[in-house]
């Protein structure tokens, strides 16, 4: 699916210049021909929306592409669901604030390298049931700043939010997600000392090329 604005019921099938189909194996093959990406982020939208998960497919992808580290948001809501996912060892679990309901997870997050936190924002509002997670003291080593209303909308990254969170958490790896339009945005993120970015639309429609990616490594 092609994510746009976080409105999942209206996501169209992915159309990409990198692949002849939306089959995930073909899409990933196209991405890896474009650039030797070290990580791949997957949002299991079925699991996030409370439907049966796509773990079997994710396991197949992990076996097919062993050179990739998979970051997977499987809709974790409780500490128990996190522990179940970790038993599968099919990628590093991404804990999204949108689905998180169990404050017990906060006790195991600080400084962790085995999980990734996604701060899910829509229109500058943090999604989820606990604002306590906005404290950098609760964060693992890697944090995604997910600006859902920017995703697939060609609006550019949410720079004010990123600046604020960068200033508050100098020791954390921050990854921008949502709205990145091209090489210029990547350079701006580098100047803000953002550690990385989640890219999709700009790769699939060709606005970011292999040369652009090589320049930003």
N, C-alpha and C. Protein backbone atom coordinates (compact mmCIF):
# COMPACT_ATOMS: atom_id res chain seq x y z
N UNK A 1 0.84 -1.19 0.00
CA UNK A 1 0.00 0.00 0.00
C UNK A 1 0.88 1.25 0.00
N UNK A 2 0.33 2.35 -0.53
CA UNK A 2 1.04 3.62 -0.54
C UNK A 2 0.44 4.51 0.54
N UNK A 3 1.20 4.69 1.64
CA UNK A 3 0.70 5.47 2.78
C UNK A 3 0.58 6.94 2.41
N UNK A 4 -0.56 7.53 2.79
CA UNK A 4 -0.80 8.95 2.53
C UNK A 4 -1.60 9.54 3.67
N UNK A 5 -0.97 10.40 4.43
CA UNK A 5 -1.66 11.16 5.46
C UNK A 5 -2.14 10.37 6.64
N UNK A 6 -1.75 9.09 6.74
CA UNK A 6 -2.17 8.27 7.85
C UNK A 6 -3.63 7.85 7.80
N UNK A 7 -4.33 8.11 6.67
CA UNK A 7 -5.73 7.73 6.52
C UNK A 7 -5.75 6.35 5.85
N UNK A 8 -5.64 5.31 6.63
CA UNK A 8 -5.32 3.98 6.11
C UNK A 8 -6.40 3.40 5.22
N UNK A 9 -7.66 3.74 5.51
CA UNK A 9 -8.74 3.16 4.71
C UNK A 9 -8.73 3.67 3.27
N UNK A 10 -7.96 4.72 3.00
CA UNK A 10 -7.92 5.26 1.64
C UNK A 10 -6.56 5.05 0.97
N UNK A 11 -5.68 4.25 1.57
CA UNK A 11 -4.38 4.00 0.95
C UNK A 11 -4.57 3.26 -0.38
N UNK A 12 -3.98 3.77 -1.47
CA UNK A 12 -4.04 3.04 -2.74
C UNK A 12 -2.94 1.98 -2.80
N UNK A 13 -3.05 1.07 -3.76
CA UNK A 13 -1.97 0.14 -4.00
C UNK A 13 -0.73 0.91 -4.47
N UNK A 14 0.43 0.43 -4.05
CA UNK A 14 1.67 1.10 -4.41
C UNK A 14 1.94 0.98 -5.91
N UNK A 15 2.30 2.11 -6.51
CA UNK A 15 2.81 2.13 -7.87
C UNK A 15 4.19 2.75 -7.81
N UNK A 16 5.18 2.03 -8.31
CA UNK A 16 6.57 2.45 -8.14
C UNK A 16 7.33 2.28 -9.44
N UNK A 17 8.23 3.23 -9.70
CA UNK A 17 9.12 3.09 -10.84
C UNK A 17 10.17 2.02 -10.59
N UNK A 18 10.28 1.55 -9.36
CA UNK A 18 11.30 0.57 -9.00
C UNK A 18 10.81 -0.87 -9.15
N UNK A 19 9.52 -1.05 -9.38
CA UNK A 19 8.95 -2.40 -9.42
C UNK A 19 7.76 -2.43 -10.36
N UNK A 20 7.57 -3.56 -11.02
CA UNK A 20 6.43 -3.73 -11.92
C UNK A 20 5.14 -4.07 -11.17
N UNK A 21 5.26 -4.41 -9.90
CA UNK A 21 4.08 -4.79 -9.13
C UNK A 21 4.23 -4.29 -7.70
N UNK A 22 3.16 -4.43 -6.92
CA UNK A 22 3.20 -4.04 -5.52
C UNK A 22 3.56 -5.21 -4.61
N UNK A 23 3.95 -6.34 -5.22
CA UNK A 23 4.40 -7.48 -4.43
C UNK A 23 5.60 -7.06 -3.57
N UNK A 24 5.58 -7.33 -2.26
CA UNK A 24 6.64 -6.81 -1.39
C UNK A 24 8.02 -7.33 -1.76
N UNK A 25 8.13 -8.56 -2.25
CA UNK A 25 9.43 -9.08 -2.64
C UNK A 25 9.98 -8.31 -3.84
N UNK A 26 9.13 -8.01 -4.80
CA UNK A 26 9.55 -7.24 -5.97
C UNK A 26 9.91 -5.80 -5.58
N UNK A 27 9.14 -5.21 -4.70
CA UNK A 27 9.40 -3.83 -4.28
C UNK A 27 10.73 -3.73 -3.56
N UNK A 28 10.99 -4.66 -2.65
CA UNK A 28 12.25 -4.62 -1.91
C UNK A 28 13.43 -4.87 -2.85
N UNK A 29 13.27 -5.78 -3.79
CA UNK A 29 14.34 -6.00 -4.77
C UNK A 29 14.65 -4.73 -5.53
N UNK A 30 13.60 -3.98 -5.91
CA UNK A 30 13.81 -2.71 -6.61
C UNK A 30 14.52 -1.69 -5.75
N UNK A 31 14.14 -1.63 -4.49
CA UNK A 31 14.81 -0.71 -3.57
C UNK A 31 16.28 -1.03 -3.42
N UNK A 32 16.61 -2.31 -3.30
CA UNK A 32 18.00 -2.70 -3.10
C UNK A 32 18.84 -2.51 -4.36
N UNK A 33 18.20 -2.53 -5.52
CA UNK A 33 18.93 -2.21 -6.75
C UNK A 33 19.23 -0.71 -6.83
N UNK A 34 18.36 0.09 -6.21
CA UNK A 34 18.57 1.54 -6.21
C UNK A 34 19.71 1.93 -5.29
N UNK A 35 19.77 1.28 -4.10
CA UNK A 35 20.74 1.68 -3.08
C UNK A 35 20.89 0.55 -2.07
N UNK A 36 22.09 0.35 -1.52
CA UNK A 36 22.28 -0.71 -0.52
C UNK A 36 21.78 -0.27 0.87
N UNK A 37 20.47 -0.15 0.99
CA UNK A 37 19.90 0.28 2.26
C UNK A 37 20.24 -0.72 3.37
N UNK A 38 20.59 -0.24 4.57
CA UNK A 38 20.88 -1.17 5.66
C UNK A 38 19.65 -1.64 6.41
N UNK A 39 18.56 -0.83 6.36
CA UNK A 39 17.36 -1.11 7.15
C UNK A 39 16.12 -0.95 6.28
N UNK A 40 15.08 -1.68 6.65
CA UNK A 40 13.79 -1.54 5.98
C UNK A 40 12.71 -1.46 7.05
N UNK A 41 11.89 -0.42 6.98
CA UNK A 41 10.79 -0.24 7.92
C UNK A 41 9.51 -0.83 7.33
N UNK A 42 8.83 -1.63 8.14
CA UNK A 42 7.55 -2.22 7.73
C UNK A 42 6.51 -1.88 8.77
N UNK A 43 5.38 -1.33 8.33
CA UNK A 43 4.21 -1.17 9.19
C UNK A 43 3.21 -2.26 8.82
N UNK A 44 2.97 -3.17 9.75
CA UNK A 44 1.98 -4.22 9.52
C UNK A 44 0.60 -3.60 9.77
N UNK A 45 0.01 -3.04 8.72
CA UNK A 45 -1.23 -2.29 8.88
C UNK A 45 -2.37 -3.18 9.36
N UNK A 46 -2.36 -4.44 8.96
CA UNK A 46 -3.41 -5.35 9.45
C UNK A 46 -3.32 -5.49 10.97
N UNK A 47 -2.12 -5.74 11.48
CA UNK A 47 -1.96 -5.88 12.92
C UNK A 47 -2.27 -4.57 13.65
N UNK A 48 -1.82 -3.45 13.10
CA UNK A 48 -2.06 -2.15 13.73
C UNK A 48 -3.55 -1.87 13.83
N UNK A 49 -4.32 -2.31 12.84
CA UNK A 49 -5.77 -2.07 12.81
C UNK A 49 -6.57 -3.19 13.48
N UNK A 50 -5.87 -4.13 14.13
CA UNK A 50 -6.57 -5.17 14.88
C UNK A 50 -6.99 -6.37 14.07
N UNK A 51 -6.49 -6.50 12.85
CA UNK A 51 -6.79 -7.66 12.02
C UNK A 51 -5.66 -8.69 12.15
N UNK A 52 -5.82 -9.90 11.60
CA UNK A 52 -4.74 -10.89 11.66
C UNK A 52 -3.45 -10.33 11.06
N UNK A 53 -2.33 -10.61 11.72
CA UNK A 53 -1.05 -10.00 11.33
C UNK A 53 -0.47 -10.66 10.08
N UNK A 54 0.61 -10.06 9.60
CA UNK A 54 1.31 -10.54 8.41
C UNK A 54 2.69 -11.09 8.78
N UNK A 55 2.78 -11.70 9.96
CA UNK A 55 4.06 -12.22 10.44
C UNK A 55 4.67 -13.23 9.48
N UNK A 56 3.85 -14.10 8.90
CA UNK A 56 4.39 -15.12 7.99
C UNK A 56 5.09 -14.47 6.79
N UNK A 57 4.49 -13.41 6.25
CA UNK A 57 5.11 -12.71 5.12
C UNK A 57 6.40 -12.02 5.57
N UNK A 58 6.37 -11.40 6.73
CA UNK A 58 7.56 -10.71 7.23
C UNK A 58 8.70 -11.69 7.45
N UNK A 59 8.39 -12.88 7.96
CA UNK A 59 9.43 -13.90 8.13
C UNK A 59 10.04 -14.29 6.79
N UNK A 60 9.19 -14.44 5.77
CA UNK A 60 9.70 -14.79 4.44
C UNK A 60 10.60 -13.68 3.89
N UNK A 61 10.20 -12.43 4.10
CA UNK A 61 11.01 -11.31 3.63
C UNK A 61 12.37 -11.29 4.33
N UNK A 62 12.37 -11.56 5.64
CA UNK A 62 13.63 -11.56 6.39
C UNK A 62 14.56 -12.66 5.88
N UNK A 63 13.99 -13.80 5.51
CA UNK A 63 14.83 -14.88 4.97
C UNK A 63 15.33 -14.54 3.57
N UNK A 64 14.50 -13.88 2.77
CA UNK A 64 14.86 -13.55 1.40
C UNK A 64 15.92 -12.46 1.34
N UNK A 65 15.89 -11.55 2.32
CA UNK A 65 16.81 -10.41 2.30
C UNK A 65 17.59 -10.36 3.61
N UNK A 66 18.51 -11.31 3.82
CA UNK A 66 19.24 -11.37 5.09
C UNK A 66 20.17 -10.20 5.31
N UNK A 67 20.49 -9.46 4.24
CA UNK A 67 21.38 -8.30 4.40
C UNK A 67 20.68 -7.10 5.01
N UNK A 68 19.35 -7.15 5.10
CA UNK A 68 18.57 -6.05 5.63
C UNK A 68 18.23 -6.27 7.10
N UNK A 69 18.29 -5.19 7.86
CA UNK A 69 17.73 -5.20 9.21
C UNK A 69 16.30 -4.67 9.11
N UNK A 70 15.34 -5.46 9.55
CA UNK A 70 13.93 -5.09 9.44
C UNK A 70 13.48 -4.40 10.73
N UNK A 71 12.90 -3.21 10.56
CA UNK A 71 12.24 -2.50 11.66
C UNK A 71 10.74 -2.68 11.43
N UNK A 72 10.07 -3.33 12.36
CA UNK A 72 8.67 -3.72 12.13
C UNK A 72 7.77 -3.15 13.21
N UNK A 73 6.76 -2.39 12.77
CA UNK A 73 5.70 -1.94 13.67
C UNK A 73 4.54 -2.93 13.54
N UNK A 74 4.38 -3.83 14.54
CA UNK A 74 3.31 -4.82 14.47
C UNK A 74 2.13 -4.47 15.37
N UNK A 75 1.96 -3.19 15.67
CA UNK A 75 0.81 -2.78 16.47
C UNK A 75 0.91 -3.15 17.94
N UNK A 76 2.11 -3.07 18.49
CA UNK A 76 2.32 -3.44 19.89
C UNK A 76 1.51 -2.51 20.80
N UNK A 77 0.77 -3.11 21.72
CA UNK A 77 -0.03 -2.32 22.65
C UNK A 77 0.35 -2.56 24.11
N UNK A 78 0.82 -3.76 24.44
CA UNK A 78 1.14 -4.10 25.82
C UNK A 78 2.53 -4.72 25.90
N UNK A 79 3.03 -4.84 27.13
CA UNK A 79 4.32 -5.49 27.34
C UNK A 79 4.26 -6.95 26.89
N UNK A 80 3.12 -7.59 27.11
CA UNK A 80 2.97 -8.98 26.68
C UNK A 80 3.06 -9.12 25.16
N UNK A 81 2.45 -8.20 24.43
CA UNK A 81 2.51 -8.30 22.96
C UNK A 81 3.92 -8.02 22.46
N UNK A 82 4.65 -7.14 23.13
CA UNK A 82 6.06 -6.91 22.78
C UNK A 82 6.87 -8.18 22.99
N UNK A 83 6.68 -8.84 24.12
CA UNK A 83 7.43 -10.06 24.42
C UNK A 83 7.10 -11.16 23.43
N UNK A 84 5.84 -11.26 23.01
CA UNK A 84 5.47 -12.27 22.00
C UNK A 84 6.20 -12.01 20.69
N UNK A 85 6.23 -10.73 20.28
CA UNK A 85 6.91 -10.40 19.03
C UNK A 85 8.39 -10.72 19.11
N UNK A 86 9.02 -10.40 20.22
CA UNK A 86 10.46 -10.63 20.36
C UNK A 86 10.81 -12.11 20.26
N UNK A 87 9.88 -12.98 20.61
CA UNK A 87 10.13 -14.41 20.49
C UNK A 87 10.25 -14.85 19.03
N UNK A 88 9.63 -14.09 18.12
CA UNK A 88 9.66 -14.48 16.70
C UNK A 88 10.99 -14.13 16.03
N UNK A 89 11.69 -13.13 16.54
CA UNK A 89 13.00 -12.72 16.02
C UNK A 89 12.96 -12.47 14.52
N UNK A 90 11.94 -11.78 14.08
CA UNK A 90 11.80 -11.48 12.65
C UNK A 90 12.06 -10.00 12.36
N UNK A 91 12.76 -9.35 13.25
CA UNK A 91 13.07 -7.94 13.07
C UNK A 91 13.05 -7.22 14.40
N UNK A 92 13.48 -5.97 14.37
CA UNK A 92 13.46 -5.16 15.58
C UNK A 92 12.08 -4.54 15.73
N UNK A 93 11.41 -4.76 16.86
CA UNK A 93 10.05 -4.24 17.01
C UNK A 93 10.04 -2.72 17.18
N UNK A 94 9.13 -2.09 16.47
CA UNK A 94 8.88 -0.66 16.60
C UNK A 94 7.61 -0.50 17.43
N UNK A 95 7.73 0.24 18.52
CA UNK A 95 6.59 0.47 19.40
C UNK A 95 6.02 1.84 19.07
N UNK A 96 4.85 1.87 18.47
CA UNK A 96 4.21 3.12 18.09
C UNK A 96 3.31 3.64 19.20
N UNK A 97 3.43 4.93 19.51
CA UNK A 97 2.58 5.48 20.57
C UNK A 97 1.10 5.40 20.20
N UNK A 98 0.81 5.35 18.91
CA UNK A 98 -0.59 5.28 18.47
C UNK A 98 -1.31 4.08 19.06
N UNK A 99 -0.61 2.94 19.16
CA UNK A 99 -1.25 1.71 19.62
C UNK A 99 -0.91 1.37 21.07
N UNK A 100 0.09 2.02 21.63
CA UNK A 100 0.56 1.67 22.97
C UNK A 100 -0.47 2.03 24.03
N UNK A 101 -0.81 1.05 24.88
CA UNK A 101 -1.78 1.28 25.96
C UNK A 101 -1.23 0.90 27.33
N UNK A 102 -0.11 0.19 27.38
CA UNK A 102 0.41 -0.36 28.63
C UNK A 102 1.59 0.46 29.14
N UNK A 103 1.43 1.26 30.21
CA UNK A 103 2.54 2.06 30.72
C UNK A 103 3.70 1.23 31.25
N UNK A 104 3.50 -0.08 31.45
CA UNK A 104 4.59 -0.93 31.92
C UNK A 104 5.74 -0.98 30.93
N UNK A 105 5.45 -0.73 29.65
CA UNK A 105 6.52 -0.73 28.64
C UNK A 105 7.53 0.38 28.92
N UNK A 106 7.08 1.46 29.54
CA UNK A 106 8.00 2.57 29.81
C UNK A 106 9.18 2.14 30.66
N UNK A 107 9.00 1.10 31.47
CA UNK A 107 10.06 0.67 32.36
C UNK A 107 11.20 -0.02 31.63
N UNK A 108 10.92 -0.58 30.46
CA UNK A 108 11.97 -1.33 29.74
C UNK A 108 12.55 -0.55 28.56
N UNK A 109 12.01 0.64 28.28
CA UNK A 109 12.47 1.39 27.12
C UNK A 109 13.79 2.14 27.31
N UNK A 110 14.03 2.81 28.44
CA UNK A 110 15.17 3.73 28.52
C UNK A 110 16.50 3.10 28.09
N UNK A 111 17.10 3.68 27.06
CA UNK A 111 18.40 3.26 26.57
C UNK A 111 18.43 1.94 25.83
N UNK A 112 17.29 1.29 25.63
CA UNK A 112 17.26 -0.04 25.02
C UNK A 112 17.72 0.01 23.56
N UNK A 113 18.47 -1.01 23.16
CA UNK A 113 18.86 -1.17 21.77
C UNK A 113 18.06 -2.26 21.07
N UNK A 114 17.18 -2.93 21.81
CA UNK A 114 16.43 -4.06 21.25
C UNK A 114 15.05 -3.65 20.74
N UNK A 115 14.64 -2.40 20.98
CA UNK A 115 13.37 -1.89 20.49
C UNK A 115 13.58 -0.49 19.93
N UNK A 116 12.62 -0.06 19.11
CA UNK A 116 12.62 1.30 18.56
C UNK A 116 11.28 1.93 18.92
N UNK A 117 11.31 3.18 19.34
CA UNK A 117 10.08 3.90 19.66
C UNK A 117 9.68 4.78 18.49
N UNK A 118 8.40 4.77 18.15
CA UNK A 118 7.87 5.67 17.15
C UNK A 118 6.93 6.65 17.83
N UNK A 119 7.32 7.92 17.85
CA UNK A 119 6.46 8.99 18.36
C UNK A 119 5.53 9.38 17.22
N UNK A 120 4.28 8.98 17.32
CA UNK A 120 3.31 9.14 16.22
C UNK A 120 2.52 10.43 16.41
N UNK A 121 2.75 11.38 15.50
CA UNK A 121 2.08 12.68 15.58
C UNK A 121 1.11 12.84 14.42
N UNK A 122 0.01 13.50 14.71
CA UNK A 122 -0.90 13.97 13.66
C UNK A 122 -1.31 15.39 14.00
N UNK A 123 -1.02 16.33 13.08
CA UNK A 123 -1.31 17.75 13.31
C UNK A 123 -0.72 18.22 14.64
N UNK A 124 0.53 17.82 14.89
CA UNK A 124 1.32 18.20 16.07
C UNK A 124 0.85 17.56 17.36
N UNK A 125 -0.18 16.73 17.32
CA UNK A 125 -0.65 16.04 18.53
C UNK A 125 -0.06 14.64 18.58
N UNK A 126 0.49 14.28 19.75
CA UNK A 126 1.00 12.94 19.93
C UNK A 126 -0.16 11.97 20.08
N UNK A 127 -0.17 10.93 19.27
CA UNK A 127 -1.21 9.92 19.36
C UNK A 127 -0.86 8.91 20.45
N UNK A 128 -1.86 8.47 21.18
CA UNK A 128 -1.65 7.49 22.23
C UNK A 128 -2.24 7.94 23.54
N UNK A 129 -2.10 7.07 24.53
CA UNK A 129 -2.78 7.29 25.79
C UNK A 129 -1.89 7.86 26.89
N UNK A 130 -0.60 7.98 26.67
CA UNK A 130 0.26 8.51 27.72
C UNK A 130 1.24 9.54 27.18
N UNK A 131 1.17 10.74 27.70
CA UNK A 131 2.13 11.78 27.32
C UNK A 131 3.45 11.63 28.05
N UNK A 132 3.50 10.71 29.03
CA UNK A 132 4.76 10.50 29.76
C UNK A 132 5.88 10.08 28.82
N UNK A 133 5.49 9.45 27.70
CA UNK A 133 6.50 8.95 26.78
C UNK A 133 7.19 10.08 26.01
N UNK A 134 6.68 11.29 26.12
CA UNK A 134 7.36 12.43 25.50
C UNK A 134 8.64 12.80 26.23
N UNK A 135 8.86 12.27 27.42
CA UNK A 135 10.09 12.55 28.15
C UNK A 135 11.23 11.73 27.57
N UNK A 136 12.33 12.36 27.16
CA UNK A 136 13.47 11.60 26.63
C UNK A 136 14.02 10.58 27.62
N UNK A 137 13.74 10.75 28.90
CA UNK A 137 14.20 9.76 29.89
C UNK A 137 13.55 8.40 29.65
N UNK A 138 12.44 8.36 28.92
CA UNK A 138 11.72 7.11 28.64
C UNK A 138 12.15 6.46 27.33
N UNK A 139 13.04 7.07 26.59
CA UNK A 139 13.27 6.64 25.22
C UNK A 139 14.36 5.58 25.10
N UNK A 140 14.22 4.67 24.13
CA UNK A 140 15.32 3.78 23.78
C UNK A 140 16.37 4.54 22.97
N UNK A 141 17.38 3.82 22.49
CA UNK A 141 18.46 4.49 21.77
C UNK A 141 17.99 5.08 20.44
N UNK A 142 16.99 4.45 19.80
CA UNK A 142 16.52 4.91 18.49
C UNK A 142 15.05 5.30 18.57
N UNK A 143 14.74 6.47 18.02
CA UNK A 143 13.38 7.00 18.06
C UNK A 143 13.01 7.53 16.68
N UNK A 144 11.85 7.10 16.18
CA UNK A 144 11.29 7.61 14.93
C UNK A 144 10.31 8.73 15.26
N UNK A 145 10.43 9.85 14.57
CA UNK A 145 9.46 10.94 14.69
C UNK A 145 8.53 10.82 13.48
N UNK A 146 7.37 10.21 13.71
CA UNK A 146 6.44 9.87 12.63
C UNK A 146 5.37 10.96 12.50
N UNK A 147 5.47 11.76 11.45
CA UNK A 147 4.50 12.83 11.21
C UNK A 147 3.47 12.32 10.21
N UNK A 148 2.42 11.70 10.74
CA UNK A 148 1.48 10.97 9.88
C UNK A 148 0.78 11.87 8.87
N UNK A 149 0.48 13.10 9.25
CA UNK A 149 -0.22 13.98 8.32
C UNK A 149 0.68 14.47 7.20
N UNK A 150 1.99 14.24 7.31
CA UNK A 150 2.93 14.60 6.24
C UNK A 150 3.19 13.44 5.29
N UNK A 151 2.90 12.20 5.73
CA UNK A 151 3.28 11.01 4.96
C UNK A 151 2.59 11.02 3.59
N UNK A 152 3.41 10.91 2.53
CA UNK A 152 2.88 10.82 1.18
C UNK A 152 2.20 12.07 0.67
N UNK A 153 2.38 13.20 1.36
CA UNK A 153 1.65 14.41 0.99
C UNK A 153 2.54 15.49 0.35
N UNK A 154 3.82 15.21 0.19
CA UNK A 154 4.73 16.16 -0.47
C UNK A 154 4.76 17.51 0.26
N UNK A 155 4.69 17.46 1.60
CA UNK A 155 4.65 18.68 2.40
C UNK A 155 5.98 19.04 3.03
N UNK A 156 6.95 18.19 2.89
CA UNK A 156 8.21 18.38 3.58
C UNK A 156 8.13 17.83 4.99
N UNK A 157 9.29 17.56 5.61
CA UNK A 157 9.29 17.04 6.98
C UNK A 157 8.82 18.09 7.97
N UNK A 158 8.40 17.65 9.14
CA UNK A 158 7.93 18.54 10.19
C UNK A 158 9.15 19.10 10.93
N UNK A 159 9.75 20.13 10.36
CA UNK A 159 11.01 20.65 10.89
C UNK A 159 10.88 21.24 12.30
N UNK A 160 9.83 22.00 12.62
CA UNK A 160 9.73 22.51 14.00
C UNK A 160 9.70 21.39 15.04
N UNK A 161 8.93 20.35 14.76
CA UNK A 161 8.88 19.22 15.70
C UNK A 161 10.24 18.55 15.83
N UNK A 162 10.91 18.34 14.71
CA UNK A 162 12.21 17.70 14.72
C UNK A 162 13.25 18.55 15.46
N UNK A 163 13.23 19.85 15.24
CA UNK A 163 14.17 20.73 15.95
C UNK A 163 13.97 20.64 17.46
N UNK A 164 12.71 20.68 17.87
CA UNK A 164 12.41 20.64 19.29
C UNK A 164 12.86 19.33 19.92
N UNK A 165 12.56 18.21 19.28
CA UNK A 165 12.92 16.92 19.84
C UNK A 165 14.42 16.70 19.80
N UNK A 166 15.09 17.20 18.75
CA UNK A 166 16.55 17.09 18.68
C UNK A 166 17.21 17.84 19.84
N UNK A 167 16.72 19.03 20.13
CA UNK A 167 17.30 19.83 21.21
C UNK A 167 17.12 19.17 22.57
N UNK A 168 16.04 18.43 22.72
CA UNK A 168 15.74 17.81 24.02
C UNK A 168 16.42 16.46 24.21
N UNK A 169 16.98 15.90 23.15
CA UNK A 169 17.50 14.53 23.26
C UNK A 169 18.80 14.37 22.47
N UNK A 170 19.86 15.05 22.88
CA UNK A 170 21.11 15.01 22.11
C UNK A 170 21.75 13.63 22.04
N UNK A 171 21.45 12.74 22.99
CA UNK A 171 22.09 11.43 22.99
C UNK A 171 21.31 10.33 22.32
N UNK A 172 20.19 10.66 21.70
CA UNK A 172 19.30 9.67 21.09
C UNK A 172 19.40 9.76 19.57
N UNK A 173 19.34 8.62 18.89
CA UNK A 173 19.28 8.62 17.43
C UNK A 173 17.85 8.93 17.00
N UNK A 174 17.67 10.02 16.26
CA UNK A 174 16.36 10.43 15.79
C UNK A 174 16.24 10.18 14.29
N UNK A 175 15.08 9.64 13.88
CA UNK A 175 14.81 9.35 12.48
C UNK A 175 13.51 10.04 12.07
N UNK A 176 13.60 10.84 11.02
CA UNK A 176 12.45 11.59 10.54
C UNK A 176 11.62 10.72 9.61
N UNK A 177 10.29 10.79 9.76
CA UNK A 177 9.40 10.02 8.90
C UNK A 177 8.21 10.87 8.51
N UNK A 178 8.02 11.03 7.19
CA UNK A 178 6.87 11.76 6.71
C UNK A 178 7.22 13.03 5.97
N UNK A 179 6.87 13.10 4.68
CA UNK A 179 6.93 14.35 3.94
C UNK A 179 8.21 14.66 3.21
N UNK A 180 9.21 13.80 3.28
CA UNK A 180 10.51 14.13 2.66
C UNK A 180 10.37 14.09 1.14
N UNK A 181 10.70 15.24 0.51
CA UNK A 181 10.40 15.42 -0.90
C UNK A 181 11.58 15.15 -1.83
N UNK A 182 12.81 15.36 -1.34
CA UNK A 182 13.95 15.21 -2.22
C UNK A 182 15.25 15.45 -1.49
N UNK A 183 16.32 15.60 -2.29
CA UNK A 183 17.66 15.74 -1.72
C UNK A 183 17.77 16.96 -0.81
N UNK A 184 17.09 18.05 -1.16
CA UNK A 184 17.19 19.25 -0.35
C UNK A 184 16.69 19.01 1.08
N UNK A 185 15.60 18.27 1.19
CA UNK A 185 15.09 17.95 2.53
C UNK A 185 16.09 17.07 3.30
N UNK A 186 16.74 16.15 2.61
CA UNK A 186 17.72 15.31 3.27
C UNK A 186 18.88 16.13 3.80
N UNK A 187 19.30 17.13 3.04
CA UNK A 187 20.39 18.00 3.50
C UNK A 187 19.97 18.82 4.72
N UNK A 188 18.74 19.30 4.71
CA UNK A 188 18.25 20.05 5.87
C UNK A 188 18.25 19.17 7.11
N UNK A 189 17.81 17.94 6.96
CA UNK A 189 17.80 17.02 8.10
C UNK A 189 19.21 16.75 8.62
N UNK A 190 20.16 16.64 7.70
CA UNK A 190 21.54 16.46 8.13
C UNK A 190 22.03 17.65 8.94
N UNK A 191 21.68 18.85 8.50
CA UNK A 191 22.10 20.06 9.23
C UNK A 191 21.47 20.13 10.61
N UNK A 192 20.30 19.53 10.77
CA UNK A 192 19.64 19.49 12.08
C UNK A 192 20.16 18.34 12.95
N UNK A 193 21.13 17.60 12.41
CA UNK A 193 21.71 16.46 13.12
C UNK A 193 20.68 15.36 13.38
N UNK A 194 19.75 15.20 12.43
CA UNK A 194 18.84 14.06 12.45
C UNK A 194 19.62 12.87 11.89
N UNK A 195 19.54 11.74 12.56
CA UNK A 195 20.42 10.62 12.26
C UNK A 195 20.01 9.83 11.02
N UNK A 196 18.77 9.92 10.61
CA UNK A 196 18.32 9.19 9.44
C UNK A 196 16.90 9.55 9.10
N UNK A 197 16.40 8.93 8.03
CA UNK A 197 15.05 9.25 7.57
C UNK A 197 14.41 8.01 6.98
N UNK A 198 13.10 7.92 7.17
CA UNK A 198 12.30 6.88 6.51
C UNK A 198 11.78 7.46 5.21
N UNK A 199 12.11 6.80 4.10
CA UNK A 199 11.76 7.30 2.77
C UNK A 199 10.83 6.31 2.09
N UNK A 200 9.87 6.83 1.34
CA UNK A 200 9.00 5.97 0.55
C UNK A 200 8.61 6.67 -0.74
N UNK A 201 7.67 7.61 -0.67
CA UNK A 201 7.10 8.22 -1.89
C UNK A 201 8.18 8.78 -2.81
N UNK A 202 9.16 9.49 -2.25
CA UNK A 202 10.18 10.14 -3.08
C UNK A 202 11.09 9.13 -3.76
N UNK A 203 11.17 7.92 -3.23
CA UNK A 203 11.91 6.85 -3.91
C UNK A 203 11.07 6.24 -5.02
N UNK A 204 9.82 5.99 -4.71
CA UNK A 204 8.97 5.26 -5.66
C UNK A 204 8.58 6.09 -6.87
N UNK A 205 8.59 7.43 -6.73
CA UNK A 205 8.27 8.25 -7.91
C UNK A 205 9.52 8.88 -8.53
N UNK A 206 10.70 8.56 -7.99
CA UNK A 206 11.95 8.97 -8.62
C UNK A 206 12.48 10.32 -8.23
N UNK A 207 11.88 10.99 -7.25
CA UNK A 207 12.38 12.31 -6.85
C UNK A 207 13.72 12.22 -6.12
N UNK A 208 13.99 11.08 -5.50
CA UNK A 208 15.28 10.85 -4.87
C UNK A 208 15.95 9.70 -5.65
N UNK A 209 17.15 9.99 -6.17
CA UNK A 209 17.85 9.03 -7.02
C UNK A 209 18.95 8.32 -6.23
N UNK A 210 19.55 7.34 -6.87
CA UNK A 210 20.67 6.65 -6.23
C UNK A 210 21.82 7.61 -5.97
N UNK A 211 22.03 8.57 -6.86
CA UNK A 211 23.09 9.56 -6.64
C UNK A 211 22.78 10.43 -5.42
N UNK A 212 21.54 10.84 -5.28
CA UNK A 212 21.14 11.63 -4.12
C UNK A 212 21.42 10.87 -2.83
N UNK A 213 21.10 9.59 -2.82
CA UNK A 213 21.30 8.77 -1.62
C UNK A 213 22.77 8.60 -1.31
N UNK A 214 23.58 8.43 -2.35
CA UNK A 214 25.01 8.27 -2.14
C UNK A 214 25.63 9.53 -1.55
N UNK A 215 25.10 10.68 -1.95
CA UNK A 215 25.63 11.96 -1.44
C UNK A 215 25.28 12.17 0.03
N UNK A 216 24.23 11.52 0.50
CA UNK A 216 23.78 11.72 1.87
C UNK A 216 24.26 10.63 2.82
N UNK A 217 25.02 9.66 2.33
CA UNK A 217 25.52 8.59 3.20
C UNK A 217 26.50 9.16 4.23
